[in-house]
Amino acid sequence: MRVITAVVICFISLNGLSQSFRLSALATYVTSDEVSGTYNRGSSYSGIVKAGFQWGAGAEYLFNEKYGAEFTFQHQNTTIPLTYINSPVTKLEDRPLELGWLMLKCNRYIGNKTNKLQGFLGLGAGICMVNTYNLPGYSKSYFGIQGNAGMIYWPANFIGIKLNGQYQISPEGVGDAFHRDKQTTLGIKSSSPLSQFGIGAGLVFVLDGLADSK
């Protein structure tokens, strides 16, 4: 968290010629994904992170009409039915699950605001926060990557309507987040990554009297 904050402050302090500072709000529908893993003693688990809606917000600093650095947070409340394959087999139905994606992204814009439509591509890295409620307050954090693409329609100089497609993944796997409880003695030997596709829409607000791109 401190590293991400320092990078954002550095971007802002080193470039006094930016054309805008923007805030955004976004609602996204993300797909389900299967997760599975094995323990050191041969037991295993499997489950489905269910699809659902994910809300989010972002703050972006534009260096010019083509490039910007954006800090985003997206959150999803869902459930995950887990099956532990052991002796005996135990199935846990629809355990509550929270996912949070905290990202620092670089955005590349195509076109300009004067033409009303502006395309964008984004790529970022950060952390994926997983809370499976094994015990009160129990959560784990993992490395995460997110890619975005879409467009913004600008009906006015100070507000835009954003259409966004995204893919997010925690490639290292989220196995130890799905232990039955903190007291388990079976460590995770291997686990699958968590990945989600999403499509959504939202609003972009220009805060500092954005000058039109040439």
C-alpha atoms as a PDB file:
ATOM      1  CA  MET A   1       0.000   0.000   0.000  1.00  0.00           C
ATOM      2  CA  ARG A   2       2.809   2.458   0.892  1.00  0.00           C
ATOM      3  CA  VAL A   3       4.647   1.709  -2.351  1.00  0.00           C
ATOM      4  CA  ILE A   4       1.535   2.336  -4.494  1.00  0.00           C
ATOM      5  CA  THR A   5       0.806   5.604  -2.673  1.00  0.00           C
ATOM      6  CA  ALA A   6       4.388   6.785  -3.123  1.00  0.00           C
ATOM      7  CA  VAL A   7       4.300   6.052  -6.864  1.00  0.00           C
ATOM      8  CA  VAL A   8       1.089   8.033  -7.327  1.00  0.00           C
ATOM      9  CA  ILE A   9       2.493  11.026  -5.388  1.00  0.00           C
ATOM     10  CA  CYS A  10       5.668  10.863  -7.465  1.00  0.00           C
ATOM     11  CA  PHE A  11       3.708  10.937 -10.743  1.00  0.00           C
ATOM     12  CA  ILE A  12       1.776  13.981  -9.646  1.00  0.00           C
ATOM     13  CA  SER A  13       4.750  15.917  -8.296  1.00  0.00           C
ATOM     14  CA  LEU A  14       6.960  15.343 -11.354  1.00  0.00           C
ATOM     15  CA  ASN A  15       4.511  16.437 -13.996  1.00  0.00           C
ATOM     16  CA  GLY A  16       2.871  19.836 -13.629  1.00  0.00           C
ATOM     17  CA  LEU A  17       1.589  19.839 -17.200  1.00  0.00           C
ATOM     18  CA  SER A  18      -1.204  17.323 -16.811  1.00  0.00           C
ATOM     19  CA  GLN A  19      -4.485  18.058 -18.492  1.00  0.00           C
ATOM     20  CA  SER A  20      -6.827  16.545 -15.914  1.00  0.00           C
ATOM     21  CA  PHE A  21      -7.510  14.752 -12.700  1.00  0.00           C
ATOM     22  CA  ARG A  22     -10.488  12.379 -12.849  1.00  0.00           C
ATOM     23  CA  LEU A  23     -12.631  10.302 -10.505  1.00  0.00           C
ATOM     24  CA  SER A  24     -14.704   7.368 -11.730  1.00  0.00           C
ATOM     25  CA  ALA A  25     -17.396   5.011 -10.449  1.00  0.00           C
ATOM     26  CA  LEU A  26     -18.010   1.629 -12.098  1.00  0.00           C
ATOM     27  CA  ALA A  27     -20.410  -1.321 -11.811  1.00  0.00           C
ATOM     28  CA  THR A  28     -19.256  -4.589 -13.412  1.00  0.00           C
ATOM     29  CA  TYR A  29     -20.692  -8.076 -13.846  1.00  0.00           C
ATOM     30  CA  VAL A  30     -17.912 -10.656 -13.416  1.00  0.00           C
ATOM     31  CA  THR A  31     -17.947 -14.337 -14.345  1.00  0.00           C
ATOM     32  CA  SER A  32     -17.625 -17.365 -12.085  1.00  0.00           C
ATOM     33  CA  ASP A  33     -14.417 -19.373 -11.758  1.00  0.00           C
ATOM     34  CA  GLU A  34     -13.529 -22.810 -10.441  1.00  0.00           C
ATOM     35  CA  VAL A  35     -10.882 -23.046  -7.733  1.00  0.00           C
ATOM     36  CA  SER A  36      -9.233 -26.223  -6.494  1.00  0.00           C
ATOM     37  CA  GLY A  37      -6.203 -27.389  -4.587  1.00  0.00           C
ATOM     38  CA  THR A  38      -4.434 -30.257  -2.869  1.00  0.00           C
ATOM     39  CA  TYR A  39      -3.034 -30.590   0.638  1.00  0.00           C
ATOM     40  CA  ASN A  40       0.317 -32.079   1.610  1.00  0.00           C
ATOM     41  CA  ARG A  41      -1.300 -35.312   2.820  1.00  0.00           C
ATOM     42  CA  GLY A  42      -3.278 -36.085  -0.327  1.00  0.00           C
ATOM     43  CA  SER A  43      -6.590 -34.456   0.563  1.00  0.00           C
ATOM     44  CA  SER A  44      -8.078 -31.864  -1.794  1.00  0.00           C
ATOM     45  CA  TYR A  45     -10.843 -29.316  -2.207  1.00  0.00           C
ATOM     46  CA  SER A  46     -12.829 -27.821  -5.074  1.00  0.00           C
ATOM     47  CA  GLY A  47     -15.368 -25.041  -5.405  1.00  0.00           C
ATOM     48  CA  ILE A  48     -16.886 -22.361  -7.630  1.00  0.00           C
ATOM     49  CA  VAL A  49     -16.499 -18.635  -6.994  1.00  0.00           C
ATOM     50  CA  LYS A  50     -19.943 -17.561  -8.143  1.00  0.00           C
ATOM     51  CA  ALA A  51     -20.535 -14.821 -10.709  1.00  0.00           C
ATOM     52  CA  GLY A  52     -21.984 -11.507  -9.580  1.00  0.00           C
ATOM     53  CA  PHE A  53     -21.761  -7.732  -9.529  1.00  0.00           C
ATOM     54  CA  GLN A  54     -18.626  -5.868  -8.573  1.00  0.00           C
ATOM     55  CA  TRP A  55     -18.606  -2.180  -7.674  1.00  0.00           C
ATOM     56  CA  GLY A  56     -15.569   0.027  -7.907  1.00  0.00           C
ATOM     57  CA  ALA A  57     -14.030   3.487  -7.919  1.00  0.00           C
ATOM     58  CA  GLY A  58     -10.881   5.026  -9.343  1.00  0.00           C
ATOM     59  CA  ALA A  59      -8.714   8.141  -9.267  1.00  0.00           C
ATOM     60  CA  GLU A  60      -6.689   8.966 -12.380  1.00  0.00           C
ATOM     61  CA  TYR A  61      -4.000  11.501 -13.204  1.00  0.00           C
ATOM     62  CA  LEU A  62      -3.549  12.265 -16.933  1.00  0.00           C
ATOM     63  CA  PHE A  63      -0.099  13.365 -18.105  1.00  0.00           C
ATOM     64  CA  ASN A  64      -1.481  14.337 -21.524  1.00  0.00           C
ATOM     65  CA  GLU A  65      -4.340  13.370 -23.842  1.00  0.00           C
ATOM     66  CA  LYS A  66      -2.902   9.872 -24.401  1.00  0.00           C
ATOM     67  CA  TYR A  67      -1.549   8.546 -21.091  1.00  0.00           C
ATOM     68  CA  GLY A  68      -2.728   8.370 -17.507  1.00  0.00           C
ATOM     69  CA  ALA A  69      -1.971   6.606 -14.207  1.00  0.00           C
ATOM     70  CA  GLU A  70      -5.006   5.285 -12.348  1.00  0.00           C
ATOM     71  CA  PHE A  71      -5.462   3.910  -8.832  1.00  0.00           C
ATOM     72  CA  THR A  72      -8.579   1.678  -8.586  1.00  0.00           C
ATOM     73  CA  PHE A  73     -10.431  -0.455  -6.050  1.00  0.00           C
ATOM     74  CA  GLN A  74     -13.146  -2.999  -6.936  1.00  0.00           C
ATOM     75  CA  HIS A  75     -15.173  -5.098  -4.499  1.00  0.00           C
ATOM     76  CA  GLN A  76     -17.442  -8.139  -4.869  1.00  0.00           C
ATOM     77  CA  ASN A  77     -19.681  -9.926  -2.358  1.00  0.00           C
ATOM     78  CA  THR A  78     -20.448 -13.474  -3.475  1.00  0.00           C
ATOM     79  CA  THR A  79     -20.525 -17.068  -2.213  1.00  0.00           C
ATOM     80  CA  ILE A  80     -18.487 -20.207  -2.793  1.00  0.00           C
ATOM     81  CA  PRO A  81     -19.702 -23.784  -2.220  1.00  0.00           C
ATOM     82  CA  LEU A  82     -16.653 -25.860  -1.250  1.00  0.00           C
ATOM     83  CA  THR A  83     -16.201 -29.624  -1.244  1.00  0.00           C
ATOM     84  CA  TYR A  84     -13.350 -31.098   0.805  1.00  0.00           C
ATOM     85  CA  ILE A  85     -12.324 -34.535  -0.428  1.00  0.00           C
ATOM     86  CA  ASN A  86     -11.143 -36.423   2.623  1.00  0.00           C
ATOM     87  CA  SER A  87     -12.457 -39.165   4.862  1.00  0.00           C
ATOM     88  CA  PRO A  88     -15.325 -38.509   5.240  1.00  0.00           C
ATOM     89  CA  VAL A  89     -16.196 -36.136   2.397  1.00  0.00           C
ATOM     90  CA  THR A  90     -17.479 -32.785   3.723  1.00  0.00           C
ATOM     91  CA  LYS A  91     -19.415 -30.284   1.625  1.00  0.00           C
ATOM     92  CA  LEU A  92     -19.875 -26.686   2.729  1.00  0.00           C
ATOM     93  CA  GLU A  93     -22.747 -24.937   0.956  1.00  0.00           C
ATOM     94  CA  ASP A  94     -22.460 -21.300  -0.187  1.00  0.00           C
ATOM     95  CA  ARG A  95     -19.848 -19.959   2.193  1.00  0.00           C
ATOM     96  CA  PRO A  96     -19.783 -16.104   2.134  1.00  0.00           C
ATOM     97  CA  LEU A  97     -16.879 -14.681   0.143  1.00  0.00           C
ATOM     98  CA  GLU A  98     -15.509 -11.163  -0.353  1.00  0.00           C
ATOM     99  CA  LEU A  99     -13.061 -10.222  -3.105  1.00  0.00           C
ATOM    100  CA  GLY A 100     -11.240  -6.914  -3.372  1.00  0.00           C
ATOM    101  CA  TRP A 101      -8.933  -5.846  -6.213  1.00  0.00           C
ATOM    102  CA  LEU A 102      -6.591  -2.923  -5.478  1.00  0.00           C
ATOM    103  CA  MET A 103      -4.704  -1.885  -8.626  1.00  0.00           C
ATOM    104  CA  LEU A 104      -2.300   0.711  -9.990  1.00  0.00           C
ATOM    105  CA  LYS A 105      -2.788   0.921 -13.777  1.00  0.00           C
ATOM    106  CA  CYS A 106      -1.358   2.678 -16.804  1.00  0.00           C
ATOM    107  CA  ASN A 107      -4.016   3.762 -19.330  1.00  0.00           C
ATOM    108  CA  ARG A 108      -3.533   4.524 -23.026  1.00  0.00           C
ATOM    109  CA  TYR A 109      -6.249   6.627 -24.705  1.00  0.00           C
ATOM    110  CA  ILE A 110      -7.178   6.530 -28.383  1.00  0.00           C
ATOM    111  CA  GLY A 111      -8.877   9.567 -29.901  1.00  0.00           C
ATOM    112  CA  ASN A 112      -9.865  12.684 -27.989  1.00  0.00           C
ATOM    113  CA  LYS A 113     -12.766  14.232 -26.106  1.00  0.00           C
ATOM    114  CA  THR A 114     -13.689  16.721 -28.810  1.00  0.00           C
ATOM    115  CA  ASN A 115     -14.930  13.818 -30.958  1.00  0.00           C
ATOM    116  CA  LYS A 116     -17.181  12.674 -28.077  1.00  0.00           C
ATOM    117  CA  LEU A 117     -15.923   9.049 -28.256  1.00  0.00           C
ATOM    118  CA  GLN A 118     -12.568   8.021 -26.791  1.00  0.00           C
ATOM    119  CA  GLY A 119     -11.188   4.484 -26.638  1.00  0.00           C
ATOM    120  CA  PHE A 120      -8.814   3.212 -23.970  1.00  0.00           C
ATOM    121  CA  LEU A 121      -6.565   0.300 -23.015  1.00  0.00           C
ATOM    122  CA  GLY A 122      -5.293  -0.297 -19.494  1.00  0.00           C
ATOM    123  CA  LEU A 123      -2.936  -2.658 -17.713  1.00  0.00           C
ATOM    124  CA  GLY A 124      -2.156  -2.784 -14.023  1.00  0.00           C
ATOM    125  CA  ALA A 125      -0.893  -4.772 -11.067  1.00  0.00           C
ATOM    126  CA  GLY A 126      -1.650  -4.806  -7.370  1.00  0.00           C
ATOM    127  CA  ILE A 127      -3.267  -7.105  -4.828  1.00  0.00           C
ATOM    128  CA  CYS A 128      -6.298  -9.390  -4.679  1.00  0.00           C
ATOM    129  CA  MET A 129      -7.824  -9.526  -1.180  1.00  0.00           C
ATOM    130  CA  VAL A 130      -9.796 -12.678  -0.297  1.00  0.00           C
ATOM    131  CA  ASN A 131     -11.995 -13.063   2.789  1.00  0.00           C
ATOM    132  CA  THR A 132     -13.621 -16.480   3.201  1.00  0.00           C
ATOM    133  CA  TYR A 133     -14.832 -16.011   6.783  1.00  0.00           C
ATOM    134  CA  ASN A 134     -13.047 -19.110   8.057  1.00  0.00           C
ATOM    135  CA  LEU A 135     -12.805 -17.203  11.305  1.00  0.00           C
ATOM    136  CA  PRO A 136     -13.960 -13.642  12.109  1.00  0.00           C
ATOM    137  CA  GLY A 137     -11.719 -11.166  10.334  1.00  0.00           C
ATOM    138  CA  TYR A 138      -9.782 -13.867   8.477  1.00  0.00           C
ATOM    139  CA  SER A 139      -8.439 -12.714   5.105  1.00  0.00           C
ATOM    140  CA  LYS A 140      -5.516 -13.242   2.749  1.00  0.00           C
ATOM    141  CA  SER A 141      -3.871 -11.058   0.092  1.00  0.00           C
ATOM    142  CA  TYR A 142      -2.319 -12.171  -3.198  1.00  0.00           C
ATOM    143  CA  PHE A 143      -0.586 -10.618  -6.188  1.00  0.00           C
ATOM    144  CA  GLY A 144      -3.091  -9.609  -8.881  1.00  0.00           C
ATOM    145  CA  ILE A 145      -3.081  -8.390 -12.504  1.00  0.00           C
ATOM    146  CA  GLN A 146      -5.862  -6.617 -14.384  1.00  0.00           C
ATOM    147  CA  GLY A 147      -6.328  -5.637 -18.032  1.00  0.00           C
ATOM    148  CA  ASN A 148      -9.020  -3.269 -19.343  1.00  0.00           C
ATOM    149  CA  ALA A 149     -10.378  -2.060 -22.675  1.00  0.00           C
ATOM    150  CA  GLY A 150     -13.378   0.030 -23.655  1.00  0.00           C
ATOM    151  CA  MET A 151     -14.578   3.502 -24.532  1.00  0.00           C
ATOM    152  CA  ILE A 152     -15.824   6.726 -22.981  1.00  0.00           C
ATOM    153  CA  TYR A 153     -18.638   8.840 -24.404  1.00  0.00           C
ATOM    154  CA  TRP A 154     -18.321  12.528 -23.433  1.00  0.00           C
ATOM    155  CA  PRO A 155     -21.732  14.288 -23.484  1.00  0.00           C
ATOM    156  CA  ALA A 156     -20.117  17.238 -21.686  1.00  0.00           C
ATOM    157  CA  ASN A 157     -16.607  18.442 -20.903  1.00  0.00           C
ATOM    158  CA  PHE A 158     -16.834  17.533 -17.218  1.00  0.00           C
ATOM    159  CA  ILE A 159     -18.551  14.117 -17.335  1.00  0.00           C
ATOM    160  CA  GLY A 160     -18.218  10.916 -19.379  1.00  0.00           C
ATOM    161  CA  ILE A 161     -20.052   7.600 -19.673  1.00  0.00           C
ATOM    162  CA  LYS A 162     -17.647   4.686 -19.539  1.00  0.00           C
ATOM    163  CA  LEU A 163     -18.084   1.202 -21.047  1.00  0.00           C
ATOM    164  CA  ASN A 164     -15.471  -1.225 -19.740  1.00  0.00           C
ATOM    165  CA  GLY A 165     -14.366  -4.800 -20.378  1.00  0.00           C
ATOM    166  CA  GLN A 166     -11.806  -6.392 -18.073  1.00  0.00           C
ATOM    167  CA  TYR A 167      -9.876  -9.511 -17.174  1.00  0.00           C
ATOM    168  CA  GLN A 168      -8.394  -9.973 -13.711  1.00  0.00           C
ATOM    169  CA  ILE A 169      -6.285 -12.794 -12.334  1.00  0.00           C
ATOM    170  CA  SER A 170      -4.425 -13.771  -9.200  1.00  0.00           C
ATOM    171  CA  PRO A 171      -1.883 -16.107 -10.856  1.00  0.00           C
ATOM    172  CA  GLU A 172      -0.215 -17.496  -7.731  1.00  0.00           C
ATOM    173  CA  GLY A 173      -3.377 -19.333  -6.622  1.00  0.00           C
ATOM    174  CA  VAL A 174      -5.596 -18.729  -3.623  1.00  0.00           C
ATOM    175  CA  GLY A 175      -5.421 -22.153  -2.002  1.00  0.00           C
ATOM    176  CA  ASP A 176      -4.599 -21.281   1.586  1.00  0.00           C
ATOM    177  CA  ALA A 177      -7.572 -18.888   1.721  1.00  0.00           C
ATOM    178  CA  PHE A 178      -9.905 -21.912   1.579  1.00  0.00           C
ATOM    179  CA  HIS A 179      -8.628 -23.883   4.561  1.00  0.00           C
ATOM    180  CA  ARG A 180     -11.529 -25.272   6.563  1.00  0.00           C
ATOM    181  CA  ASP A 181     -10.269 -23.295   9.571  1.00  0.00           C
ATOM    182  CA  LYS A 182      -7.070 -21.798  10.911  1.00  0.00           C
ATOM    183  CA  GLN A 183      -6.329 -24.889  12.992  1.00  0.00           C
ATOM    184  CA  THR A 184      -5.906 -27.257  10.048  1.00  0.00           C
ATOM    185  CA  THR A 185      -2.585 -29.113   9.968  1.00  0.00           C
ATOM    186  CA  LEU A 186      -2.735 -29.881   6.238  1.00  0.00           C
ATOM    187  CA  GLY A 187      -0.768 -27.269   4.321  1.00  0.00           C
ATOM    188  CA  ILE A 188      -1.587 -26.398   0.719  1.00  0.00           C
ATOM    189  CA  LYS A 189       0.649 -28.215  -1.771  1.00  0.00           C
ATOM    190  CA  SER A 190      -0.817 -26.707  -4.945  1.00  0.00           C
ATOM    191  CA  SER A 191      -3.786 -24.542  -5.901  1.00  0.00           C
ATOM    192  CA  SER A 192      -5.392 -23.018  -8.979  1.00  0.00           C
ATOM    193  CA  PRO A 193      -5.369 -19.294  -9.822  1.00  0.00           C
ATOM    194  CA  LEU A 194      -8.468 -17.153  -9.525  1.00  0.00           C
ATOM    195  CA  SER A 195      -9.510 -15.379 -12.739  1.00  0.00           C
ATOM    196  CA  GLN A 196     -12.594 -13.430 -13.829  1.00  0.00           C
ATOM    197  CA  PHE A 197     -13.866 -11.744 -16.971  1.00  0.00           C
ATOM    198  CA  GLY A 198     -16.111  -8.730 -16.539  1.00  0.00           C
ATOM    199  CA  ILE A 199     -18.132  -6.149 -18.438  1.00  0.00           C
ATOM    200  CA  GLY A 200     -19.511  -2.974 -16.937  1.00  0.00           C
ATOM    201  CA  ALA A 201     -20.423   0.690 -17.183  1.00  0.00           C
ATOM    202  CA  GLY A 202     -19.905   3.792 -15.091  1.00  0.00           C
ATOM    203  CA  LEU A 203     -19.290   7.524 -14.916  1.00  0.00           C
ATOM    204  CA  VAL A 204     -16.106   9.587 -15.205  1.00  0.00           C
ATOM    205  CA  PHE A 205     -15.934  12.995 -13.487  1.00  0.00           C
ATOM    206  CA  VAL A 206     -13.371  15.653 -14.491  1.00  0.00           C
ATOM    207  CA  LEU A 207     -12.426  17.655 -11.397  1.00  0.00           C
ATOM    208  CA  ASP A 208     -10.109  20.443 -12.502  1.00  0.00           C
ATOM    209  CA  GLY A 209     -11.621  22.159 -15.533  1.00  0.00           C
ATOM    210  CA  LEU A 210     -10.225  19.877 -18.191  1.00  0.00           C
ATOM    211  CA  ALA A 211      -8.977  21.640 -21.317  1.00  0.00           C
ATOM    212  CA  ASP A 212     -10.149  19.940 -24.529  1.00  0.00           C
ATOM    213  CA  SER A 213      -7.567  17.724 -26.193  1.00  0.00           C
ATOM    214  CA  LYS A 214      -6.299  19.075 -29.479  1.00  0.00           C
END
